[in-house]
Amino acid sequence: MTQGQAEIRRAVAGDIDGILRTDHCAARGDQGRAGFLRRSVAFGECLVCLDHGAVAGFAVVMPAHFFGRDFIELLMVDPARRRCGIGRSLLRAALAAAGTEQVFTSTNTSNQPMRSLLQAEGWSFSGKLDGQDEGDPELVFYNTSGQLATQTGNGPGH
């Protein structure tokens, strides 16, 4: 992600249309997902990455949602802007803004890009949940708030 052109901040109502376009489920008309995203913005639980003023990605962070710990419920990057560091920046921003020492997230086994990002950023595997999506188990990961990959030697330049 090019510095100086992108900004990560709490999402506001004016960001909702861009967030809904970026989310593949909401963009296909999933009203439940769209409602979830609108509520996340309204409750201040959504971080947004703006690139030249347009939504390039977002992360929904649910405070104390997972056994009393913050949980990154969703991290989504506009497909046209992937592999540019936006997901990494959002993940780091969510971790830095966490209200709990440990932060958890999960992803499907099939989501190799997210699994690679979590590994590169030093997240630890916590466990596997079967039964969410048939044939595609959910993998759970955690990290310590403020412990970025650059501190553990897994980040860029290491």
N, C-alpha and C. Protein backbone atom coordinates (compact mmCIF):
# COMPACT_ATOMS: atom_id res chain seq x y z
N MET A 1 0.85 -1.17 0.00
CA MET A 1 0.00 0.00 0.00
C MET A 1 0.90 1.23 0.00
N THR A 2 0.65 2.12 -0.86
CA THR A 2 1.45 3.33 -0.97
C THR A 2 1.09 4.27 0.17
N GLN A 3 2.09 4.69 0.92
CA GLN A 3 1.87 5.61 2.02
C GLN A 3 1.49 6.98 1.47
N GLY A 4 0.67 7.70 2.22
CA GLY A 4 0.28 9.04 1.83
C GLY A 4 -0.96 9.06 0.96
N GLN A 5 -1.33 7.95 0.37
CA GLN A 5 -2.52 7.90 -0.48
C GLN A 5 -3.65 7.16 0.20
N ALA A 6 -3.32 6.38 1.22
CA ALA A 6 -4.34 5.58 1.91
C ALA A 6 -4.47 6.03 3.35
N GLU A 7 -5.66 5.82 3.88
CA GLU A 7 -5.98 6.20 5.24
C GLU A 7 -6.82 5.09 5.86
N ILE A 8 -6.50 4.70 7.09
CA ILE A 8 -7.33 3.75 7.83
C ILE A 8 -7.91 4.49 9.02
N ARG A 9 -9.22 4.37 9.17
CA ARG A 9 -9.93 5.03 10.26
C ARG A 9 -11.23 4.27 10.52
N ARG A 10 -11.92 4.67 11.58
CA ARG A 10 -13.25 4.11 11.86
C ARG A 10 -14.17 4.49 10.70
N ALA A 11 -14.97 3.55 10.28
CA ALA A 11 -15.92 3.82 9.20
C ALA A 11 -17.04 4.73 9.71
N VAL A 12 -17.56 5.54 8.82
CA VAL A 12 -18.69 6.41 9.11
C VAL A 12 -19.79 6.11 8.10
N ALA A 13 -20.96 6.66 8.36
CA ALA A 13 -22.12 6.37 7.51
C ALA A 13 -21.84 6.61 6.03
N GLY A 14 -21.05 7.61 5.70
CA GLY A 14 -20.74 7.91 4.30
C GLY A 14 -19.90 6.83 3.61
N ASP A 15 -19.34 5.91 4.39
CA ASP A 15 -18.52 4.82 3.82
C ASP A 15 -19.34 3.59 3.47
N ILE A 16 -20.59 3.54 3.91
CA ILE A 16 -21.38 2.30 3.80
C ILE A 16 -21.52 1.81 2.36
N ASP A 17 -21.81 2.68 1.42
CA ASP A 17 -21.97 2.24 0.03
C ASP A 17 -20.70 1.56 -0.48
N GLY A 18 -19.54 2.14 -0.21
CA GLY A 18 -18.27 1.55 -0.62
C GLY A 18 -18.00 0.22 0.07
N ILE A 19 -18.36 0.12 1.34
CA ILE A 19 -18.19 -1.12 2.08
C ILE A 19 -19.08 -2.21 1.48
N LEU A 20 -20.33 -1.87 1.19
CA LEU A 20 -21.26 -2.85 0.60
C LEU A 20 -20.80 -3.31 -0.78
N ARG A 21 -20.20 -2.42 -1.56
CA ARG A 21 -19.66 -2.80 -2.88
C ARG A 21 -18.44 -3.71 -2.74
N THR A 22 -17.64 -3.47 -1.71
CA THR A 22 -16.42 -4.24 -1.50
C THR A 22 -16.71 -5.65 -1.01
N ASP A 23 -17.76 -5.81 -0.21
CA ASP A 23 -18.11 -7.12 0.34
C ASP A 23 -18.85 -7.95 -0.71
N HIS A 24 -18.28 -9.09 -1.10
CA HIS A 24 -18.87 -9.88 -2.18
C HIS A 24 -20.27 -10.39 -1.85
N CYS A 25 -20.55 -10.69 -0.59
CA CYS A 25 -21.89 -11.17 -0.24
C CYS A 25 -22.92 -10.04 -0.34
N ALA A 26 -22.62 -8.90 0.26
CA ALA A 26 -23.53 -7.77 0.21
C ALA A 26 -23.71 -7.28 -1.23
N ALA A 27 -22.63 -7.30 -2.01
CA ALA A 27 -22.71 -6.84 -3.39
C ALA A 27 -23.62 -7.73 -4.23
N ARG A 28 -23.77 -9.01 -3.83
CA ARG A 28 -24.66 -9.93 -4.55
C ARG A 28 -26.09 -9.91 -4.01
N GLY A 29 -26.35 -8.97 -3.08
CA GLY A 29 -27.72 -8.80 -2.60
C GLY A 29 -28.05 -9.49 -1.29
N ASP A 30 -27.05 -9.98 -0.55
CA ASP A 30 -27.29 -10.63 0.73
C ASP A 30 -27.69 -9.55 1.75
N GLN A 31 -28.99 -9.43 2.01
CA GLN A 31 -29.50 -8.37 2.88
C GLN A 31 -29.09 -8.57 4.34
N GLY A 32 -28.94 -9.82 4.76
CA GLY A 32 -28.47 -10.08 6.11
C GLY A 32 -27.06 -9.55 6.32
N ARG A 33 -26.20 -9.81 5.35
CA ARG A 33 -24.82 -9.33 5.42
C ARG A 33 -24.78 -7.81 5.37
N ALA A 34 -25.59 -7.21 4.49
CA ALA A 34 -25.64 -5.75 4.39
C ALA A 34 -26.09 -5.13 5.71
N GLY A 35 -27.08 -5.73 6.35
CA GLY A 35 -27.54 -5.25 7.65
C GLY A 35 -26.47 -5.36 8.72
N PHE A 36 -25.75 -6.48 8.71
CA PHE A 36 -24.65 -6.68 9.64
C PHE A 36 -23.59 -5.59 9.46
N LEU A 37 -23.24 -5.29 8.22
CA LEU A 37 -22.23 -4.28 7.94
C LEU A 37 -22.71 -2.89 8.35
N ARG A 38 -23.97 -2.58 8.09
CA ARG A 38 -24.51 -1.28 8.50
C ARG A 38 -24.48 -1.13 10.03
N ARG A 39 -24.86 -2.19 10.74
CA ARG A 39 -24.82 -2.16 12.20
C ARG A 39 -23.38 -2.01 12.71
N SER A 40 -22.45 -2.71 12.07
CA SER A 40 -21.05 -2.63 12.48
C SER A 40 -20.51 -1.20 12.35
N VAL A 41 -20.89 -0.53 11.29
CA VAL A 41 -20.49 0.87 11.11
C VAL A 41 -21.16 1.74 12.17
N ALA A 42 -22.45 1.54 12.37
CA ALA A 42 -23.20 2.35 13.35
C ALA A 42 -22.64 2.19 14.76
N PHE A 43 -22.18 0.99 15.11
CA PHE A 43 -21.64 0.72 16.45
C PHE A 43 -20.16 1.03 16.58
N GLY A 44 -19.54 1.53 15.51
CA GLY A 44 -18.12 1.87 15.56
C GLY A 44 -17.20 0.67 15.55
N GLU A 45 -17.67 -0.44 15.01
CA GLU A 45 -16.91 -1.68 15.00
C GLU A 45 -16.23 -1.97 13.66
N CYS A 46 -16.26 -1.01 12.76
CA CYS A 46 -15.71 -1.22 11.43
C CYS A 46 -14.59 -0.22 11.15
N LEU A 47 -13.45 -0.76 10.75
CA LEU A 47 -12.35 0.07 10.27
C LEU A 47 -12.39 0.05 8.75
N VAL A 48 -12.07 1.16 8.14
CA VAL A 48 -12.10 1.24 6.68
C VAL A 48 -10.76 1.76 6.19
N CYS A 49 -10.33 1.23 5.06
CA CYS A 49 -9.14 1.73 4.39
C CYS A 49 -9.61 2.47 3.15
N LEU A 50 -9.26 3.74 3.08
CA LEU A 50 -9.60 4.57 1.93
C LEU A 50 -8.34 4.78 1.11
N ASP A 51 -8.45 4.56 -0.19
CA ASP A 51 -7.34 4.78 -1.11
C ASP A 51 -7.82 5.83 -2.11
N HIS A 52 -7.20 7.00 -2.07
CA HIS A 52 -7.64 8.13 -2.90
C HIS A 52 -9.13 8.42 -2.69
N GLY A 53 -9.58 8.28 -1.44
CA GLY A 53 -10.96 8.59 -1.08
C GLY A 53 -11.97 7.49 -1.30
N ALA A 54 -11.58 6.37 -1.94
CA ALA A 54 -12.50 5.26 -2.20
C ALA A 54 -12.22 4.11 -1.24
N VAL A 55 -13.26 3.39 -0.86
CA VAL A 55 -13.10 2.24 0.04
C VAL A 55 -12.30 1.16 -0.69
N ALA A 56 -11.16 0.82 -0.11
CA ALA A 56 -10.29 -0.22 -0.67
C ALA A 56 -10.39 -1.50 0.13
N GLY A 57 -10.88 -1.41 1.36
CA GLY A 57 -11.03 -2.57 2.22
C GLY A 57 -11.59 -2.15 3.56
N PHE A 58 -11.96 -3.16 4.36
CA PHE A 58 -12.50 -2.88 5.69
C PHE A 58 -12.30 -4.09 6.59
N ALA A 59 -12.39 -3.84 7.88
CA ALA A 59 -12.33 -4.90 8.88
C ALA A 59 -13.39 -4.63 9.93
N VAL A 60 -14.11 -5.67 10.31
CA VAL A 60 -15.10 -5.58 11.38
C VAL A 60 -14.49 -6.23 12.62
N VAL A 61 -14.36 -5.44 13.67
CA VAL A 61 -13.77 -5.91 14.92
C VAL A 61 -14.83 -5.85 16.01
N MET A 62 -15.19 -7.03 16.51
CA MET A 62 -16.22 -7.13 17.54
C MET A 62 -15.55 -7.11 18.91
N PRO A 63 -15.80 -6.07 19.72
CA PRO A 63 -15.14 -5.97 21.02
C PRO A 63 -15.62 -7.04 22.00
N ALA A 64 -14.65 -7.68 22.65
CA ALA A 64 -14.91 -8.69 23.69
C ALA A 64 -15.94 -9.74 23.25
N HIS A 65 -15.94 -10.08 21.99
CA HIS A 65 -16.96 -10.95 21.39
C HIS A 65 -16.63 -12.44 21.51
N PHE A 66 -15.36 -12.77 21.64
CA PHE A 66 -14.92 -14.17 21.62
C PHE A 66 -14.30 -14.51 22.97
N PHE A 67 -15.10 -15.10 23.85
CA PHE A 67 -14.64 -15.44 25.20
C PHE A 67 -14.00 -14.23 25.89
N GLY A 68 -14.66 -13.07 25.73
CA GLY A 68 -14.19 -11.86 26.37
C GLY A 68 -13.04 -11.17 25.67
N ARG A 69 -12.71 -11.64 24.48
CA ARG A 69 -11.61 -11.03 23.72
C ARG A 69 -12.13 -10.46 22.41
N ASP A 70 -11.43 -9.44 21.92
CA ASP A 70 -11.83 -8.87 20.63
C ASP A 70 -11.69 -9.91 19.54
N PHE A 71 -12.57 -9.81 18.54
CA PHE A 71 -12.60 -10.79 17.45
C PHE A 71 -12.72 -10.04 16.13
N ILE A 72 -11.78 -10.29 15.24
CA ILE A 72 -11.87 -9.71 13.89
C ILE A 72 -12.82 -10.62 13.11
N GLU A 73 -14.03 -10.17 12.98
CA GLU A 73 -15.11 -10.95 12.38
C GLU A 73 -14.95 -11.06 10.86
N LEU A 74 -14.45 -10.00 10.27
CA LEU A 74 -14.41 -9.95 8.81
C LEU A 74 -13.31 -8.99 8.38
N LEU A 75 -12.54 -9.40 7.38
CA LEU A 75 -11.54 -8.54 6.77
C LEU A 75 -11.69 -8.73 5.27
N MET A 76 -11.99 -7.65 4.58
CA MET A 76 -12.28 -7.74 3.15
C MET A 76 -11.53 -6.64 2.41
N VAL A 77 -10.93 -7.01 1.27
CA VAL A 77 -10.22 -6.06 0.43
C VAL A 77 -10.84 -6.11 -0.97
N ASP A 78 -11.02 -4.95 -1.56
CA ASP A 78 -11.52 -4.85 -2.93
C ASP A 78 -10.64 -5.73 -3.82
N PRO A 79 -11.25 -6.65 -4.59
CA PRO A 79 -10.44 -7.55 -5.43
C PRO A 79 -9.46 -6.84 -6.35
N ALA A 80 -9.79 -5.66 -6.82
CA ALA A 80 -8.88 -4.92 -7.71
C ALA A 80 -7.68 -4.35 -6.96
N ARG A 81 -7.75 -4.34 -5.63
CA ARG A 81 -6.67 -3.74 -4.83
C ARG A 81 -5.95 -4.76 -3.96
N ARG A 82 -6.15 -6.03 -4.21
CA ARG A 82 -5.50 -7.06 -3.40
C ARG A 82 -4.02 -7.15 -3.73
N ARG A 83 -3.27 -7.70 -2.78
CA ARG A 83 -1.82 -7.91 -2.90
C ARG A 83 -1.06 -6.58 -2.93
N CYS A 84 -1.63 -5.56 -2.29
CA CYS A 84 -0.99 -4.24 -2.22
C CYS A 84 -0.71 -3.83 -0.77
N GLY A 85 -0.99 -4.70 0.20
CA GLY A 85 -0.74 -4.40 1.60
C GLY A 85 -1.93 -3.86 2.37
N ILE A 86 -3.07 -3.75 1.72
CA ILE A 86 -4.25 -3.21 2.39
C ILE A 86 -4.73 -4.16 3.49
N GLY A 87 -4.81 -5.44 3.20
CA GLY A 87 -5.23 -6.42 4.21
C GLY A 87 -4.29 -6.41 5.40
N ARG A 88 -3.00 -6.37 5.13
CA ARG A 88 -1.98 -6.33 6.19
C ARG A 88 -2.16 -5.07 7.04
N SER A 89 -2.37 -3.93 6.39
CA SER A 89 -2.55 -2.68 7.12
C SER A 89 -3.81 -2.70 7.98
N LEU A 90 -4.89 -3.25 7.45
CA LEU A 90 -6.12 -3.35 8.22
C LEU A 90 -5.95 -4.30 9.40
N LEU A 91 -5.29 -5.42 9.18
CA LEU A 91 -5.06 -6.38 10.26
C LEU A 91 -4.24 -5.74 11.37
N ARG A 92 -3.20 -5.03 11.00
CA ARG A 92 -2.35 -4.36 11.99
C ARG A 92 -3.12 -3.26 12.71
N ALA A 93 -3.94 -2.50 12.00
CA ALA A 93 -4.73 -1.43 12.62
C ALA A 93 -5.73 -2.02 13.60
N ALA A 94 -6.35 -3.13 13.23
CA ALA A 94 -7.32 -3.78 14.13
C ALA A 94 -6.62 -4.26 15.40
N LEU A 95 -5.45 -4.81 15.25
CA LEU A 95 -4.69 -5.30 16.40
C LEU A 95 -4.25 -4.13 17.29
N ALA A 96 -3.79 -3.06 16.67
CA ALA A 96 -3.33 -1.89 17.43
C ALA A 96 -4.47 -1.21 18.19
N ALA A 97 -5.67 -1.26 17.64
CA ALA A 97 -6.82 -0.60 18.25
C ALA A 97 -7.57 -1.50 19.23
N ALA A 98 -7.09 -2.71 19.40
CA ALA A 98 -7.81 -3.69 20.22
C ALA A 98 -7.98 -3.21 21.66
N GLY A 99 -9.10 -3.59 22.23
CA GLY A 99 -9.39 -3.27 23.63
C GLY A 99 -9.05 -4.42 24.56
N THR A 100 -8.59 -5.54 24.02
CA THR A 100 -8.19 -6.68 24.84
C THR A 100 -6.77 -7.08 24.48
N GLU A 101 -6.10 -7.73 25.40
CA GLU A 101 -4.71 -8.10 25.15
C GLU A 101 -4.59 -9.11 24.02
N GLN A 102 -5.46 -10.10 24.02
CA GLN A 102 -5.46 -11.08 22.92
C GLN A 102 -6.60 -10.75 21.96
N VAL A 103 -6.32 -10.94 20.68
CA VAL A 103 -7.31 -10.73 19.63
C VAL A 103 -7.39 -12.01 18.83
N PHE A 104 -8.60 -12.42 18.50
CA PHE A 104 -8.82 -13.65 17.74
C PHE A 104 -9.43 -13.32 16.38
N THR A 105 -9.25 -14.22 15.45
CA THR A 105 -9.91 -14.16 14.15
C THR A 105 -10.03 -15.59 13.64
N SER A 106 -10.77 -15.76 12.57
CA SER A 106 -10.88 -17.08 11.96
C SER A 106 -11.04 -16.94 10.46
N THR A 107 -10.77 -18.04 9.78
CA THR A 107 -10.93 -18.07 8.32
C THR A 107 -11.18 -19.50 7.90
N ASN A 108 -11.79 -19.66 6.76
CA ASN A 108 -11.98 -21.01 6.22
C ASN A 108 -10.65 -21.61 5.82
N THR A 109 -10.55 -22.92 5.90
CA THR A 109 -9.35 -23.64 5.47
C THR A 109 -9.00 -23.27 4.04
N SER A 110 -10.00 -23.09 3.19
CA SER A 110 -9.79 -22.82 1.77
C SER A 110 -9.27 -21.41 1.49
N ASN A 111 -9.31 -20.51 2.48
CA ASN A 111 -8.90 -19.12 2.26
C ASN A 111 -7.39 -18.98 2.45
N GLN A 112 -6.64 -19.47 1.49
CA GLN A 112 -5.18 -19.46 1.57
C GLN A 112 -4.59 -18.05 1.68
N PRO A 113 -5.12 -17.04 0.97
CA PRO A 113 -4.54 -15.70 1.13
C PRO A 113 -4.61 -15.19 2.58
N MET A 114 -5.74 -15.40 3.25
CA MET A 114 -5.86 -14.96 4.64
C MET A 114 -4.96 -15.79 5.55
N ARG A 115 -4.89 -17.08 5.32
CA ARG A 115 -4.02 -17.93 6.13
C ARG A 115 -2.56 -17.50 5.98
N SER A 116 -2.16 -17.18 4.77
CA SER A 116 -0.78 -16.72 4.52
C SER A 116 -0.52 -15.39 5.22
N LEU A 117 -1.49 -14.48 5.17
CA LEU A 117 -1.34 -13.19 5.83
C LEU A 117 -1.18 -13.38 7.33
N LEU A 118 -2.02 -14.21 7.93
CA LEU A 118 -1.93 -14.44 9.37
C LEU A 118 -0.59 -15.04 9.76
N GLN A 119 -0.12 -15.98 8.96
CA GLN A 119 1.18 -16.59 9.24
C GLN A 119 2.30 -15.54 9.13
N ALA A 120 2.26 -14.75 8.06
CA ALA A 120 3.29 -13.73 7.86
C ALA A 120 3.29 -12.69 8.97
N GLU A 121 2.13 -12.45 9.56
CA GLU A 121 2.01 -11.45 10.62
C GLU A 121 2.20 -12.04 12.01
N GLY A 122 2.55 -13.31 12.09
CA GLY A 122 2.88 -13.91 13.38
C GLY A 122 1.71 -14.33 14.24
N TRP A 123 0.54 -14.53 13.65
CA TRP A 123 -0.61 -15.01 14.40
C TRP A 123 -0.43 -16.50 14.70
N SER A 124 -0.94 -16.93 15.84
CA SER A 124 -0.82 -18.33 16.27
C SER A 124 -2.11 -19.09 16.02
N PHE A 125 -1.97 -20.33 15.58
CA PHE A 125 -3.12 -21.19 15.35
C PHE A 125 -3.70 -21.60 16.70
N SER A 126 -5.01 -21.49 16.85
CA SER A 126 -5.67 -21.82 18.10
C SER A 126 -6.46 -23.13 18.00
N GLY A 127 -7.11 -23.36 16.86
CA GLY A 127 -7.91 -24.58 16.73
C GLY A 127 -8.75 -24.58 15.47
N LYS A 128 -9.48 -25.67 15.31
CA LYS A 128 -10.29 -25.87 14.11
C LYS A 128 -11.74 -26.12 14.53
N LEU A 129 -12.66 -25.51 13.82
CA LEU A 129 -14.09 -25.70 14.06
C LEU A 129 -14.71 -26.37 12.84
N ASP A 130 -15.31 -27.51 13.07
CA ASP A 130 -16.05 -28.18 12.01
C ASP A 130 -17.52 -27.80 12.12
N GLY A 131 -18.24 -27.90 11.01
CA GLY A 131 -19.68 -27.70 11.03
C GLY A 131 -20.16 -26.33 10.58
N GLN A 132 -19.25 -25.37 10.41
CA GLN A 132 -19.65 -24.05 9.92
C GLN A 132 -20.02 -24.12 8.44
N ASP A 133 -19.03 -24.42 7.62
CA ASP A 133 -19.23 -24.57 6.17
C ASP A 133 -18.85 -26.00 5.82
N GLU A 134 -19.80 -26.73 5.31
CA GLU A 134 -19.60 -28.14 4.99
C GLU A 134 -18.34 -28.36 4.15
N GLY A 135 -17.44 -29.18 4.67
CA GLY A 135 -16.23 -29.53 3.93
C GLY A 135 -15.14 -28.46 3.92
N ASP A 136 -15.35 -27.37 4.67
CA ASP A 136 -14.36 -26.28 4.69
C ASP A 136 -14.26 -25.75 6.13
N PRO A 137 -13.55 -26.48 6.99
CA PRO A 137 -13.47 -26.11 8.41
C PRO A 137 -12.96 -24.69 8.62
N GLU A 138 -13.41 -24.11 9.72
CA GLU A 138 -12.99 -22.78 10.14
C GLU A 138 -11.74 -22.93 11.02
N LEU A 139 -10.70 -22.17 10.70
CA LEU A 139 -9.47 -22.19 11.47
C LEU A 139 -9.41 -20.92 12.32
N VAL A 140 -9.10 -21.07 13.60
CA VAL A 140 -9.09 -19.95 14.54
C VAL A 140 -7.64 -19.60 14.87
N PHE A 141 -7.34 -18.30 14.89
CA PHE A 141 -6.00 -17.79 15.16
C PHE A 141 -6.08 -16.68 16.21
N TYR A 142 -4.97 -16.43 16.90
CA TYR A 142 -4.93 -15.33 17.86
C TYR A 142 -3.58 -14.63 17.82
N ASN A 143 -3.57 -13.40 18.32
CA ASN A 143 -2.35 -12.61 18.44
C ASN A 143 -2.50 -11.74 19.68
N THR A 144 -1.40 -11.22 20.13
CA THR A 144 -1.39 -10.34 21.29
C THR A 144 -1.42 -8.90 20.80
N SER A 145 -2.32 -8.12 21.34
CA SER A 145 -2.49 -6.73 20.95
C SER A 145 -1.16 -5.99 21.03
N GLY A 146 -0.80 -5.32 19.93
CA GLY A 146 0.43 -4.56 19.89
C GLY A 146 1.66 -5.37 19.50
N GLN A 147 1.52 -6.69 19.38
CA GLN A 147 2.66 -7.54 19.01
C GLN A 147 2.65 -7.75 17.51
N LEU A 148 3.22 -6.81 16.78
CA LEU A 148 3.24 -6.88 15.32
C LEU A 148 4.32 -7.83 14.85
N ALA A 149 4.18 -8.29 13.64
CA ALA A 149 5.13 -9.24 13.07
C ALA A 149 6.55 -8.67 13.02
N THR A 150 6.68 -7.36 12.87
CA THR A 150 8.03 -6.79 12.82
C THR A 150 8.75 -6.96 14.14
N GLN A 151 8.00 -7.08 15.24
CA GLN A 151 8.61 -7.31 16.54
C GLN A 151 9.03 -8.77 16.71
N THR A 152 8.36 -9.67 15.99
CA THR A 152 8.66 -11.09 16.14
C THR A 152 9.60 -11.58 15.04
N GLY A 153 9.96 -10.67 14.11
CA GLY A 153 10.88 -11.05 13.04
C GLY A 153 10.20 -11.67 11.84
N ASN A 154 8.87 -11.57 11.78
CA ASN A 154 8.14 -12.16 10.65
C ASN A 154 7.64 -11.12 9.66
N GLY A 155 7.87 -9.87 9.93
CA GLY A 155 7.32 -8.83 9.07
C GLY A 155 8.23 -8.48 7.90
N PRO A 156 7.84 -7.49 7.13
CA PRO A 156 8.63 -7.08 5.99
C PRO A 156 10.04 -6.68 6.41
N GLY A 157 11.00 -7.05 5.64
CA GLY A 157 12.37 -6.71 5.92
C GLY A 157 13.07 -7.69 6.84
N HIS A 158 12.38 -8.74 7.26
CA HIS A 158 12.99 -9.73 8.16
C HIS A 158 13.06 -11.09 7.47
